Structures are given as C-alpha cells and as structure tokens.
Amino acid sequence: MARSSRKYFGPLICVGVLVLASGYVIVGRLYSAHEVAKVTAYNAIPNVEVVTPEPGAKTVALTLPGTIEAWYQAPIYPQASGYVKMWYKDFGAEVKSGDVLADINAPGLDAQYAQAKADLQAQEAKYNLTVVSADRWHAMAKSQAVSGQSVSVADANRKSGYAEMEASQHNLDRFEALEKFKTVVAPFDGIVTSRLINVGDYVSAGGGEHSTNGDANQMFVVSDMHKMRLFVSVPEVFSYMLKPGLTATVSVPQFPGRTFEAQFLTIAKGYDPNTRTAVTEFTIDNSDHLLWPGTFASVHLAAPAEGGVWKIPTSTLVFQESGMQVAVVGSDNHVHFHSISVGRMADTHTDVLSGLQPGDRIIRNPPADLLDGQEVRIVQPAKGYERTDEEIEG
C-alpha cells in the first residue's frame, strides 16, 4: 500500500504545479485586461485645467508716443519779391508783435509803385478835363446851342473818367500795401525758431520765375511757446477715455526723471483708416520755455475702466466659425462652448464685455479636438509647471 501511494505522489505534484501555473497566467491576463480597460476608460476623458474670470481692472493705463508743438507757429513768407537787404532777428531771438525781422530791397516793386503814382496823376488830369467839358456842354445846352445827345456823351465821359481815376487809385493802394511788405515783421509775441535767409538772397512772393517750384520762399518761423500743444494718436479701442478733465503725464528725452502735466483739449472725432487712431490734443503750460516745438514725448494716460468687464487669459480663447468663444465646464463636468464679446486683447489677458458669468470654469488651452457636450476631467497642474500671470508678462 505504501508503494502504491508513492507511485502516484510524483504525478500528482506535477499536476498541481501545472494547475497553479495555469491559474497564475490566467489571473495575470485577466488583471492586465482589466487594467488596460481601466486606463483606456481613463484616457477617454481628457484632463483640463480651468480658470475663473476675474473682474477687469478698475483703471486703464497706457503709454503712447506724442509730439509737442508750439501754441502758435507761423512760417513767415515774403509778400514782396526782391533781395534781402538785412535781417535783424536770429535763431532763438525773442520778438514782440510788430518787431522788424528783415528788410527787402525790391527795385522792381519801387518802379511799379512810381508808375502807379504817375498813372493816378494822369487819370486825375483826364478826369478834371472831362468835368470841365461836361460843364461847358451843360452851359451851351441852356441856350439850345447843342443837342441833348452831346450833353449825355459829356456826362458819360465824366463818369468814365472818374471810374478810371478810381481804378488807378486802387492800383496805387495795392502797391502802397506791397511797399509796406518790404519790411517783414513778427505777427505775434514769440521766439524765432527758424531763419532761412541771408543778406543778398532773392526771395519770391510766390509764382515768380525765380522760385524753383513757383512757391514762396520761407524766411522765418516764429513760435509762441508760452503754452504748448501735445498731439497723440490714440487707438480707437481706448477712445472712450478721452474726455474733458483727463490728465496725461508727459516725459521727454532731454529731461530724464522729470514729468510734465498735460490737460485734455480736444479730439479729432474721426479715425485714420490706416492706423485706426484718432488725433488727440492736450495742452502743457510752458511759461519757462523748457519745452520746444517738435519734441518727442512719451505720454502716459490713465482713466477709470468701463464697468461689467471680465478678464480672462488669452490662452482660453477659441476661434470658431461662429465667432469668439470659450469652453466652459458645467457642474456635470461636460463642456459647453459660450460665445463672448471681447474688448481689449493682450498677449496674456483679454477683456470680455459679455458672455461670461462669475464662477464660470473656463478651460485654459482647450484641445483642438474638444467637442461641445464632451466630458472632461479637471486637474491641477503639477507644481512648477503652472506659471503665474506675472511670470508670463515678465
């Protein structure tokens, strides 16, 4: 009996080992299949990071380039053609209204003026003769010695002579006015910011053969600098902030670390179609004449922002055929695309005017294949991979 038990013991052990090995393999495969199914089901739901909209900034600030010009700036052109006899005010000279800037020697104009005087004297003599003749014809008409037709002709000659004398007088007045223009004067109190003539230069009043292009030759530029005008081209998206009472802070390259205050004056109320900007004018007090015309300025503007604006990362925007949208995760973790109306856009943030509610969970960097109604899984980015807005802007 003992021998019989020993005879079957070995085969039984082998069978048991085979059964255990087969069970292990089967269990392992079942576990692997379960894990694959589990991973597949997990990966079928995309992981997303969400952000919530933040209230827009209370103030809007921007810095734009500008140009500073004089309050009044007059280029001085000659009204009489001739040669510069002498100039009296150089660059930077302070002048008062009526101060003499230069004298022009115009012999051609002098000759025309003299001729106009002679023409007037000749017309006066002719007119006096027509008056005497008319008086004589009227005297003879009383005695019926001449016809009425002759008297009418005499009266017409007198009126014609008077008209010709008047025309000569007006011509003389014109040349008298031109004679005064031989003396070039300052139109207002200011500073000579440009002198473009020298003694002996020929200057033309315009349209003369001595001018290269038929235009008048500029002689001086006089600028009133007690107050300056600042011109800034403001983008249309910021035009709402341009209102009376707006103050700008101005800095210029020649005075580093110093700022000037500029007050809003007016706006063009029209946009340049090429740049989509509107020319805006400010005023700057300049009683000490520190600022000069033509200065480049850096203009900082700040104003209260519009209410009801939300700020979201620009990376959340989705460009669809139906317009600008964002992907919002609902309470059931399903995605719904919301159409929004955007305002100002920057590299990191975009202002949303409508289409969002407080607490909306918006997907940051939504996948390109994300579908409306699709289920998603909200996750937190691993530490060290989430950059703050300050770091992104930096």
Protein backbone atom coordinates (compact mmCIF):
# COMPACT_ATOMS: atom_id res chain seq x y z
CA MET A 1 0.00 0.00 0.00
CA ALA A 2 2.81 2.36 0.79
CA ARG A 3 4.45 1.53 -2.51
CA SER A 4 1.21 2.31 -4.39
CA SER A 5 0.94 5.78 -2.71
CA ARG A 6 4.49 6.61 -3.60
CA LYS A 7 3.83 5.58 -7.15
CA TYR A 8 1.13 8.30 -7.69
CA PHE A 9 2.59 11.04 -5.47
CA GLY A 10 5.03 12.41 -8.04
CA PRO A 11 2.49 12.78 -10.88
CA LEU A 12 0.04 14.49 -8.53
CA ILE A 13 2.64 17.07 -7.59
CA CYS A 14 3.32 17.78 -11.26
CA VAL A 15 -0.35 18.18 -12.00
CA GLY A 16 -0.74 20.55 -9.06
CA VAL A 17 2.18 22.68 -10.21
CA LEU A 18 0.73 22.86 -13.72
CA VAL A 19 -2.68 23.88 -12.36
CA LEU A 20 -1.14 26.62 -10.22
CA ALA A 21 0.96 27.92 -13.10
CA SER A 22 -2.01 27.97 -15.43
CA GLY A 23 -4.13 29.78 -12.85
CA TYR A 24 -1.42 32.37 -12.32
CA VAL A 25 -1.18 33.05 -16.05
CA ILE A 26 -4.95 33.28 -16.41
CA VAL A 27 -5.30 35.61 -13.41
CA GLY A 28 -2.44 37.77 -14.69
CA ARG A 29 -4.03 38.11 -18.09
CA LEU A 30 -7.41 38.96 -16.59
CA TYR A 31 -5.77 41.61 -14.41
CA SER A 32 -3.89 43.06 -17.35
CA ALA A 33 -7.05 43.20 -19.41
CA HIS A 34 -8.83 44.94 -16.56
CA GLU A 35 -6.01 47.47 -16.22
CA VAL A 36 -5.98 48.16 -19.98
CA ALA A 37 -9.73 48.71 -19.91
CA LYS A 38 -9.36 50.95 -16.89
CA VAL A 39 -6.56 53.03 -18.50
CA THR A 40 -8.47 53.22 -21.76
CA ALA A 41 -11.58 54.47 -20.00
CA TYR A 42 -9.47 56.99 -18.06
CA ASN A 43 -7.72 58.30 -21.15
CA ALA A 44 -11.01 58.64 -22.99
CA ILE A 45 -11.78 61.61 -20.74
CA PRO A 46 -9.30 64.46 -21.37
CA ASN A 47 -7.64 66.24 -18.49
CA VAL A 48 -8.12 70.00 -18.49
CA GLU A 49 -7.05 72.95 -16.38
CA VAL A 50 -9.69 75.56 -15.62
CA VAL A 51 -9.64 79.19 -14.58
CA THR A 52 -12.41 81.53 -13.48
CA PRO A 53 -12.96 85.05 -14.87
CA GLU A 54 -11.59 87.91 -12.82
CA PRO A 55 -13.11 91.38 -12.60
CA GLY A 56 -11.48 93.81 -15.04
CA ALA A 57 -9.05 96.44 -13.83
CA LYS A 58 -10.57 99.50 -12.18
CA THR A 59 -8.32 101.77 -14.19
CA VAL A 60 -6.94 101.62 -17.73
CA ALA A 61 -3.41 102.88 -18.30
CA LEU A 62 -1.38 103.09 -21.50
CA THR A 63 1.70 104.88 -22.78
CA LEU A 64 1.79 106.33 -26.27
CA PRO A 65 4.21 108.44 -28.32
CA GLY A 66 3.34 112.08 -28.91
CA THR A 67 4.67 115.26 -30.48
CA ILE A 68 4.92 118.65 -28.78
CA GLU A 69 4.26 121.73 -30.90
CA ALA A 70 4.08 125.46 -30.21
CA TRP A 71 0.80 127.07 -29.19
CA TYR A 72 1.04 129.25 -32.31
CA GLN A 73 3.63 128.68 -35.02
CA ALA A 74 3.77 130.92 -38.08
CA PRO A 75 6.05 130.41 -41.07
CA ILE A 76 6.87 133.87 -42.45
CA TYR A 77 6.78 134.28 -46.25
CA PRO A 78 7.55 137.41 -48.27
CA GLN A 79 4.71 139.36 -49.82
CA ALA A 80 7.13 141.35 -51.95
CA SER A 81 9.72 139.80 -54.27
CA GLY A 82 13.25 141.14 -54.01
CA TYR A 83 16.66 140.80 -52.36
CA VAL A 84 17.20 140.58 -48.60
CA LYS A 85 18.67 143.93 -47.58
CA MET A 86 19.21 142.94 -43.91
CA TRP A 87 17.84 140.54 -41.32
CA TYR A 88 17.64 141.59 -37.67
CA LYS A 89 16.46 138.54 -35.68
CA ASP A 90 18.40 135.29 -35.49
CA PHE A 91 17.59 131.81 -34.14
CA GLY A 92 16.19 131.91 -30.61
CA ALA A 93 15.52 135.66 -30.60
CA GLU A 94 12.54 136.78 -28.53
CA VAL A 95 10.30 139.11 -30.51
CA LYS A 96 7.22 141.21 -29.87
CA SER A 97 4.34 141.68 -32.26
CA GLY A 98 5.42 144.16 -34.94
CA ASP A 99 9.18 143.80 -34.38
CA VAL A 100 11.13 144.10 -37.63
CA LEU A 101 12.60 140.77 -38.74
CA ALA A 102 14.11 141.78 -42.09
CA ASP A 103 14.12 144.37 -44.88
CA ILE A 104 13.71 143.53 -48.56
CA ASN A 105 15.19 145.62 -51.37
CA ALA A 106 12.63 145.48 -54.21
CA PRO A 107 13.61 147.88 -57.06
CA GLY A 108 11.07 146.30 -59.40
CA LEU A 109 8.30 146.96 -56.89
CA ASP A 110 9.53 150.52 -56.36
CA ALA A 111 9.33 151.16 -60.11
CA GLN A 112 5.81 149.76 -60.27
CA TYR A 113 4.82 151.93 -57.31
CA ALA A 114 6.18 155.01 -59.05
CA GLN A 115 4.33 154.08 -62.23
CA ALA A 116 1.10 153.64 -60.28
CA LYS A 117 1.52 157.17 -58.88
CA ALA A 118 2.05 158.56 -62.37
CA ASP A 119 -0.94 156.68 -63.73
CA LEU A 120 -3.12 158.14 -60.98
CA GLN A 121 -1.94 161.66 -61.76
CA ALA A 122 -2.69 161.11 -65.46
CA GLN A 123 -6.16 159.80 -64.71
CA GLU A 124 -6.83 162.71 -62.37
CA ALA A 125 -5.91 165.13 -65.15
CA LYS A 126 -8.15 163.33 -67.63
CA TYR A 127 -10.98 163.31 -65.16
CA ASN A 128 -10.64 167.03 -64.47
CA LEU A 129 -10.80 167.63 -68.23
CA THR A 130 -14.00 165.61 -68.55
CA VAL A 131 -15.53 167.63 -65.69
CA VAL A 132 -14.71 170.95 -67.44
CA SER A 133 -16.01 169.62 -70.76
CA ALA A 134 -19.25 168.43 -69.22
CA ASP A 135 -19.81 171.79 -67.51
CA ARG A 136 -19.32 173.58 -70.85
CA TRP A 137 -21.76 171.29 -72.67
CA HIS A 138 -24.36 171.88 -69.98
CA ALA A 139 -23.88 175.67 -70.30
CA MET A 140 -24.36 175.55 -74.07
CA ALA A 141 -27.38 173.31 -73.67
CA LYS A 142 -29.19 176.09 -71.78
CA SER A 143 -29.13 178.24 -74.93
CA GLN A 144 -30.14 175.37 -77.16
CA ALA A 145 -26.75 175.62 -78.92
CA VAL A 146 -26.03 171.88 -78.71
CA SER A 147 -28.08 168.75 -78.78
CA GLY A 148 -29.08 166.73 -75.76
CA GLN A 149 -27.15 163.78 -77.17
CA SER A 150 -23.89 165.72 -76.91
CA VAL A 151 -24.61 166.60 -73.30
CA SER A 152 -25.26 162.94 -72.47
CA VAL A 153 -21.95 161.94 -74.09
CA ALA A 154 -20.12 164.53 -72.00
CA ASP A 155 -21.71 163.22 -68.81
CA ALA A 156 -20.75 159.65 -69.75
CA ASN A 157 -17.15 160.71 -70.40
CA ARG A 158 -17.05 162.33 -66.96
CA LYS A 159 -18.32 159.18 -65.26
CA SER A 160 -15.88 157.03 -67.23
CA GLY A 161 -13.01 159.30 -66.30
CA TYR A 162 -13.99 159.10 -62.63
CA ALA A 163 -14.09 155.30 -62.78
CA GLU A 164 -10.66 155.15 -64.40
CA MET A 165 -9.30 157.51 -61.76
CA GLU A 166 -10.77 155.26 -59.02
CA ALA A 167 -9.17 152.20 -60.61
CA SER A 168 -5.81 153.95 -60.67
CA GLN A 169 -6.26 154.91 -57.02
CA HIS A 170 -6.95 151.29 -56.04
CA ASN A 171 -3.91 150.13 -58.02
CA LEU A 172 -1.79 152.69 -56.18
CA ASP A 173 -3.20 151.49 -52.85
CA ARG A 174 -2.18 147.93 -53.75
CA PHE A 175 1.39 148.95 -54.44
CA GLU A 176 1.48 151.06 -51.27
CA ALA A 177 0.49 147.94 -49.32
CA LEU A 178 3.19 145.92 -51.09
CA GLU A 179 5.74 148.61 -50.27
CA LYS A 180 5.00 148.08 -46.58
CA PHE A 181 5.69 144.36 -47.02
CA LYS A 182 9.30 145.20 -47.84
CA THR A 183 9.62 145.37 -44.06
CA VAL A 184 8.97 141.88 -42.62
CA VAL A 185 7.57 141.98 -39.07
CA ALA A 186 6.67 139.44 -36.36
CA PRO A 187 2.94 138.54 -36.34
CA PHE A 188 2.81 137.98 -32.56
CA ASP A 189 4.95 137.72 -29.44
CA GLY A 190 7.18 134.67 -29.61
CA ILE A 191 10.57 133.23 -30.45
CA VAL A 192 12.29 132.92 -33.81
CA THR A 193 12.73 129.16 -34.17
CA SER A 194 13.94 129.25 -37.78
CA ARG A 195 15.78 131.69 -40.08
CA LEU A 196 16.16 130.55 -43.66
CA ILE A 197 17.58 133.68 -45.34
CA ASN A 198 20.85 135.58 -45.61
CA VAL A 199 21.70 139.06 -46.83
CA GLY A 200 21.54 139.16 -50.61
CA ASP A 201 19.19 136.19 -51.02
CA TYR A 202 16.44 136.59 -53.55
CA VAL A 203 13.01 135.88 -52.06
CA SER A 204 9.87 135.41 -54.08
CA ALA A 205 6.31 136.14 -53.09
CA GLY A 206 5.25 133.02 -54.97
CA GLY A 207 4.56 132.19 -58.57
CA GLY A 208 7.67 134.04 -59.75
CA GLU A 209 10.20 132.65 -62.20
CA HIS A 210 12.98 132.91 -59.60
CA SER A 211 11.30 130.33 -57.33
CA THR A 212 12.33 126.76 -58.07
CA ASN A 213 8.80 125.35 -57.88
CA GLY A 214 6.79 128.54 -58.17
CA ASP A 215 6.15 128.74 -54.41
CA ALA A 216 7.02 131.49 -51.99
CA ASN A 217 10.36 131.29 -50.15
CA GLN A 218 10.02 130.81 -46.40
CA MET A 219 12.04 133.36 -44.42
CA PHE A 220 11.40 132.80 -40.72
CA VAL A 221 9.35 130.71 -38.31
CA VAL A 222 8.00 132.47 -35.22
CA SER A 223 6.61 130.32 -32.39
CA ASP A 224 4.53 131.30 -29.39
CA MET A 225 5.80 128.96 -26.66
CA HIS A 226 4.07 130.26 -23.53
CA LYS A 227 1.88 127.16 -23.81
CA MET A 228 2.43 124.02 -25.90
CA ARG A 229 0.15 121.67 -27.78
CA LEU A 230 0.66 117.91 -27.41
CA PHE A 231 -0.62 115.69 -30.23
CA VAL A 232 -1.18 111.98 -29.58
CA SER A 233 -2.69 109.33 -31.87
CA VAL A 234 -4.91 107.21 -29.61
CA PRO A 235 -6.18 103.76 -30.75
CA GLU A 236 -9.94 103.60 -31.22
CA VAL A 237 -10.37 100.93 -28.54
CA PHE A 238 -9.20 103.48 -25.95
CA SER A 239 -11.05 106.50 -27.33
CA TYR A 240 -13.80 106.23 -24.71
CA MET A 241 -11.36 107.51 -22.07
CA LEU A 242 -10.73 110.78 -23.92
CA LYS A 243 -12.96 113.23 -22.08
CA PRO A 244 -12.64 116.75 -20.62
CA GLY A 245 -10.74 116.61 -17.35
CA LEU A 246 -8.40 113.84 -18.49
CA THR A 247 -4.80 114.49 -17.45
CA ALA A 248 -1.74 112.98 -19.11
CA THR A 249 1.73 112.58 -17.64
CA VAL A 250 4.40 113.52 -20.15
CA SER A 251 8.12 112.74 -20.18
CA VAL A 252 10.68 113.92 -22.73
CA PRO A 253 14.17 112.60 -23.53
CA GLN A 254 16.03 115.80 -22.67
CA PHE A 255 14.72 115.82 -19.07
CA PRO A 256 15.04 112.25 -17.74
CA GLY A 257 13.28 111.68 -14.46
CA ARG A 258 11.07 114.75 -14.87
CA THR A 259 7.43 114.76 -15.91
CA PHE A 260 5.02 117.40 -17.17
CA GLU A 261 1.26 117.57 -16.81
CA ALA A 262 -0.89 117.87 -19.92
CA GLN A 263 -4.60 118.70 -19.95
CA PHE A 264 -7.03 117.23 -22.48
CA LEU A 265 -8.16 119.85 -25.01
CA THR A 266 -9.96 118.15 -27.90
CA ILE A 267 -10.11 115.09 -30.14
CA ALA A 268 -10.44 114.84 -33.92
CA LYS A 269 -13.69 112.79 -33.66
CA GLY A 270 -12.59 110.72 -36.63
CA TYR A 271 -10.24 107.75 -37.09
CA ASP A 272 -7.41 107.38 -39.55
CA PRO A 273 -8.45 104.33 -41.63
CA ASN A 274 -4.81 103.25 -41.98
CA THR A 275 -3.92 103.25 -38.28
CA ARG A 276 -7.37 103.20 -36.61
CA THR A 277 -6.28 106.04 -34.34
CA ALA A 278 -7.72 109.46 -33.53
CA VAL A 279 -5.56 112.57 -33.17
CA THR A 280 -5.95 113.91 -29.65
CA GLU A 281 -4.73 117.31 -28.47
CA PHE A 282 -3.51 118.23 -24.98
CA THR A 283 -2.09 121.49 -23.59
CA ILE A 284 1.03 121.96 -21.47
CA ASP A 285 1.97 125.14 -19.59
CA ASN A 286 5.42 126.27 -20.72
CA SER A 287 5.98 129.72 -19.23
CA ASP A 288 9.69 128.93 -18.67
CA HIS A 289 10.11 127.77 -22.30
CA LEU A 290 11.66 124.47 -21.24
CA LEU A 291 9.77 122.54 -23.91
CA TRP A 292 10.49 123.26 -27.58
CA PRO A 293 8.39 122.65 -30.69
CA GLY A 294 8.98 119.31 -32.39
CA THR A 295 9.86 117.46 -29.17
CA PHE A 296 9.13 113.73 -28.98
CA ALA A 297 7.10 112.88 -25.87
CA SER A 298 6.15 109.72 -24.03
CA VAL A 299 2.55 110.19 -22.92
CA HIS A 300 1.08 108.15 -20.07
CA LEU A 301 -2.72 108.07 -19.89
CA ALA A 302 -4.84 106.65 -17.08
CA ALA A 303 -8.63 106.66 -16.68
CA PRO A 304 -11.35 104.64 -14.94
CA ALA A 305 -12.17 101.44 -16.80
CA GLU A 306 -15.61 100.55 -18.08
CA GLY A 307 -17.76 98.52 -15.68
CA GLY A 308 -19.01 94.96 -16.24
CA VAL A 309 -15.77 93.79 -17.85
CA TRP A 310 -14.20 90.42 -17.06
CA LYS A 311 -10.57 89.47 -17.56
CA ILE A 312 -9.54 86.01 -18.74
CA PRO A 313 -6.26 84.53 -20.02
CA THR A 314 -5.89 84.92 -23.77
CA SER A 315 -4.99 81.22 -23.93
CA THR A 316 -8.62 80.33 -23.14
CA LEU A 317 -9.99 81.84 -26.36
CA VAL A 318 -11.38 79.55 -29.05
CA PHE A 319 -11.71 80.89 -32.60
CA GLN A 320 -14.75 79.25 -34.17
CA GLU A 321 -16.74 79.90 -37.32
CA SER A 322 -19.50 81.34 -35.16
CA GLY A 323 -17.08 83.84 -33.59
CA MET A 324 -15.01 84.14 -30.45
CA GLN A 325 -15.85 81.52 -27.80
CA VAL A 326 -14.61 79.93 -24.58
CA ALA A 327 -15.03 76.34 -23.36
CA VAL A 328 -16.88 76.30 -20.02
CA VAL A 329 -17.08 73.19 -17.82
CA GLY A 330 -20.53 72.68 -16.30
CA SER A 331 -21.41 71.17 -12.95
CA ASP A 332 -21.66 67.74 -14.60
CA ASN A 333 -18.08 68.10 -15.93
CA HIS A 334 -19.30 68.39 -19.51
CA VAL A 335 -18.03 71.08 -21.87
CA HIS A 336 -20.23 73.83 -23.27
CA PHE A 337 -18.92 76.50 -25.68
CA HIS A 338 -20.05 80.05 -24.87
CA SER A 339 -19.90 82.90 -27.37
CA ILE A 340 -18.33 86.03 -25.93
CA SER A 341 -17.76 89.65 -26.93
CA VAL A 342 -14.18 90.75 -26.38
CA GLY A 343 -12.68 94.18 -25.80
CA ARG A 344 -9.00 94.88 -25.46
CA MET A 345 -6.72 91.94 -26.21
CA ALA A 346 -3.15 91.49 -24.99
CA ASP A 347 -0.60 88.69 -25.06
CA THR A 348 -1.63 87.38 -21.65
CA HIS A 349 -5.11 88.71 -20.91
CA THR A 350 -8.27 89.61 -22.80
CA ASP A 351 -11.16 91.76 -21.62
CA VAL A 352 -14.60 90.17 -22.10
CA LEU A 353 -17.55 92.54 -22.40
CA SER A 354 -20.33 89.94 -22.38
CA GLY A 355 -20.98 86.19 -22.41
CA LEU A 356 -19.50 85.17 -19.02
CA GLN A 357 -20.82 84.73 -15.51
CA PRO A 358 -18.93 84.89 -12.21
CA GLY A 359 -17.62 81.47 -11.27
CA ASP A 360 -17.59 80.05 -14.82
CA ARG A 361 -14.94 77.33 -15.08
CA ILE A 362 -13.13 78.13 -18.32
CA ILE A 363 -10.67 75.69 -19.86
CA ARG A 364 -7.16 77.03 -20.31
CA ASN A 365 -5.54 75.89 -23.59
CA PRO A 366 -8.54 73.80 -24.74
CA PRO A 367 -7.61 70.84 -27.01
CA ALA A 368 -8.25 71.34 -30.71
CA ASP A 369 -10.48 68.20 -30.87
CA LEU A 370 -12.63 69.19 -27.89
CA LEU A 371 -16.36 68.82 -28.65
CA ASP A 372 -19.38 70.53 -27.17
CA GLY A 373 -21.00 68.25 -24.58
CA GLN A 374 -17.86 66.16 -24.11
CA GLU A 375 -16.96 65.01 -20.60
CA VAL A 376 -13.67 66.29 -19.17
CA ARG A 377 -11.66 65.79 -16.03
CA ILE A 378 -10.49 68.86 -14.12
CA VAL A 379 -6.93 68.55 -12.84
CA GLN A 380 -4.45 70.81 -11.15
CA PRO A 381 -1.15 71.39 -12.98
CA ALA A 382 1.92 69.80 -11.45
CA LYS A 383 3.88 72.08 -9.19
CA GLY A 384 6.46 74.01 -11.14
CA TYR A 385 4.54 73.81 -14.44
CA GLU A 386 1.94 76.45 -13.71
CA ARG A 387 3.25 79.94 -14.39
CA THR A 388 1.62 82.96 -12.84
CA ASP A 389 0.43 85.85 -14.99
CA GLU A 390 3.22 87.99 -13.59
CA GLU A 391 5.80 85.43 -14.71
CA ILE A 392 4.23 85.23 -18.16
CA GLU A 393 4.21 89.01 -18.55
CA GLY A 394 7.78 89.15 -17.27
